[in-house]
Amino acid sequence: MRKQNYHAPAQCPVCGQTMEVTRLRCGHCGTELNGQFAPCRFCTLEEKHLQFVETFLRCRGSIKEVEKALGVSYPTVKNMLDAALTALNLDERPELRAVRQEEEKAEILERLSGGEIDVDTAIEALNQLKGGK
């Protein structure tokens, strides 16, 4: 019978600080290493962010496909993407944010004119974009 693997917590359940990896063990030969090891940035993601990133990659970065796969709206996917980027400390530089917002605005309007989203969804997406969320 195969042993169950669990996702290691990134934050301490007592104080909320970042957990530290101090021991590694080979499941095959039993070799153990003790020390202070930095986990990969994806290892520290909460389960909800990890699932989103996996879905996003599976959909090859297509927001339309992520919408379908998760059954959520465009603004929700954008918020989930922003939250995952923040969790991974991959937030963009402030000077690029304005350019990205203009591109997103154009995409929202294009989707509206193409009939992919309705007016209410477009308004919600534009308001969230305006608010910087």
Protein backbone atom coordinates (compact mmCIF):
# COMPACT_ATOMS: atom_id res chain seq x y z
CA MET A 1 0.00 0.00 0.00
CA ARG A 2 1.35 3.42 -0.97
CA LYS A 3 1.85 6.00 1.75
CA GLN A 4 -0.34 9.13 1.50
CA ASN A 5 1.55 12.39 0.80
CA TYR A 6 0.19 15.60 2.27
CA HIS A 7 0.72 19.20 1.23
CA ALA A 8 3.06 20.82 3.76
CA PRO A 9 1.67 23.95 5.41
CA ALA A 10 3.42 27.19 4.44
CA GLN A 11 2.42 29.06 7.60
CA CYS A 12 2.66 28.01 11.23
CA PRO A 13 -0.80 27.06 12.53
CA VAL A 14 0.05 28.64 15.90
CA CYS A 15 1.65 32.01 15.10
CA GLY A 16 1.13 32.36 11.33
CA GLN A 17 4.82 32.82 10.48
CA THR A 18 6.48 31.04 7.54
CA MET A 19 7.33 27.39 8.15
CA GLU A 20 10.89 26.24 7.49
CA VAL A 21 12.00 22.95 5.93
CA THR A 22 14.66 21.43 8.18
CA ARG A 23 14.66 17.72 7.32
CA LEU A 24 14.54 15.71 4.10
CA ARG A 25 14.28 11.93 3.81
CA CYS A 26 14.59 9.56 0.85
CA GLY A 27 11.58 7.24 0.86
CA HIS A 28 13.53 4.58 -1.01
CA CYS A 29 16.80 4.18 0.92
CA GLY A 30 16.05 6.12 4.09
CA THR A 31 18.86 8.66 3.70
CA GLU A 32 18.14 11.76 5.76
CA LEU A 33 19.44 15.32 5.56
CA ASN A 34 19.05 17.88 8.31
CA GLY A 35 19.54 21.62 7.84
CA GLN A 36 17.70 24.67 6.61
CA PHE A 37 16.28 24.24 3.12
CA ALA A 38 14.36 26.77 1.07
CA PRO A 39 11.21 25.23 -0.42
CA CYS A 40 10.36 26.01 -4.04
CA ARG A 41 7.96 28.94 -4.37
CA PHE A 42 5.16 26.65 -5.60
CA CYS A 43 5.54 24.45 -2.51
CA THR A 44 4.47 27.34 -0.29
CA LEU A 45 1.23 28.05 -2.18
CA GLU A 46 -2.09 27.52 -0.48
CA GLU A 47 -4.05 24.67 -2.04
CA LYS A 48 -6.54 27.04 -3.75
CA HIS A 49 -3.72 28.93 -5.51
CA LEU A 50 -1.96 25.71 -6.48
CA GLN A 51 -5.15 24.31 -8.02
CA PHE A 52 -5.68 27.55 -9.95
CA VAL A 53 -2.11 27.53 -11.29
CA GLU A 54 -2.49 23.90 -12.37
CA THR A 55 -5.77 24.69 -14.14
CA PHE A 56 -4.27 27.80 -15.75
CA LEU A 57 -1.33 25.76 -17.07
CA ARG A 58 -3.57 22.91 -18.20
CA CYS A 59 -5.59 25.49 -20.17
CA ARG A 60 -2.32 26.82 -21.61
CA GLY A 61 -2.93 30.29 -20.18
CA SER A 62 -6.24 30.82 -21.95
CA ILE A 63 -8.49 32.78 -19.63
CA LYS A 64 -11.51 31.71 -21.69
CA GLU A 65 -10.62 28.05 -21.11
CA VAL A 66 -10.01 28.64 -17.39
CA GLU A 67 -13.47 30.28 -17.17
CA LYS A 68 -15.00 27.14 -18.69
CA ALA A 69 -12.94 24.71 -16.62
CA LEU A 70 -13.75 26.40 -13.31
CA GLY A 71 -17.24 27.61 -14.20
CA VAL A 72 -16.46 31.18 -13.13
CA SER A 73 -16.59 34.61 -14.76
CA TYR A 74 -13.78 36.53 -16.43
CA PRO A 75 -13.35 38.94 -13.48
CA THR A 76 -13.13 36.00 -11.09
CA VAL A 77 -10.40 34.36 -13.17
CA LYS A 78 -8.46 37.64 -13.29
CA ASN A 79 -8.77 38.01 -9.50
CA MET A 80 -7.61 34.42 -9.00
CA LEU A 81 -4.65 35.03 -11.31
CA ASP A 82 -3.70 38.21 -9.45
CA ALA A 83 -3.98 36.39 -6.10
CA ALA A 84 -1.74 33.55 -7.33
CA LEU A 85 0.83 36.02 -8.66
CA THR A 86 0.84 37.85 -5.34
CA ALA A 87 1.21 34.57 -3.43
CA LEU A 88 4.20 33.71 -5.63
CA ASN A 89 5.69 37.21 -5.18
CA LEU A 90 5.51 37.74 -8.94
CA ASP A 91 3.63 41.04 -8.84
CA GLU A 92 4.60 43.23 -11.73
CA ARG A 93 6.38 46.55 -11.52
CA PRO A 94 4.02 49.52 -10.98
CA GLU A 95 5.02 51.19 -14.25
CA LEU A 96 3.86 48.16 -16.24
CA ARG A 97 0.51 47.95 -14.45
CA ALA A 98 -1.01 50.87 -16.41
CA VAL A 99 -0.02 49.26 -19.72
CA ARG A 100 -1.48 45.93 -18.63
CA GLN A 101 -4.71 47.61 -17.48
CA GLU A 102 -5.15 49.25 -20.90
CA GLU A 103 -4.61 45.88 -22.59
CA GLU A 104 -7.14 44.24 -20.27
CA LYS A 105 -9.66 47.03 -20.91
CA ALA A 106 -9.30 46.50 -24.67
CA GLU A 107 -9.72 42.73 -24.21
CA ILE A 108 -12.89 43.21 -22.14
CA LEU A 109 -14.40 45.54 -24.74
CA GLU A 110 -13.42 43.17 -27.55
CA ARG A 111 -15.09 40.26 -25.77
CA LEU A 112 -18.20 42.38 -25.21
CA SER A 113 -18.40 43.40 -28.86
CA GLY A 114 -17.85 39.77 -29.90
CA GLY A 115 -20.75 38.62 -27.72
CA GLU A 116 -18.56 36.45 -25.50
CA ILE A 117 -19.63 38.33 -22.36
CA ASP A 118 -22.71 40.37 -21.53
CA VAL A 119 -22.86 44.05 -20.57
CA ASP A 120 -23.12 43.36 -16.82
CA THR A 121 -20.03 41.13 -16.87
CA ALA A 122 -18.12 43.75 -18.88
CA ILE A 123 -19.12 46.52 -16.46
CA GLU A 124 -18.09 44.38 -13.49
CA ALA A 125 -14.73 43.59 -15.12
CA LEU A 126 -14.10 47.24 -16.02
CA ASN A 127 -15.00 48.40 -12.50
CA GLN A 128 -12.64 45.83 -10.96
CA LEU A 129 -9.93 46.92 -13.35
CA LYS A 130 -10.53 50.58 -12.48
CA GLY A 131 -10.28 49.74 -8.79
CA GLY A 132 -6.95 48.00 -9.36
CA LYS A 133 -8.26 44.63 -8.26
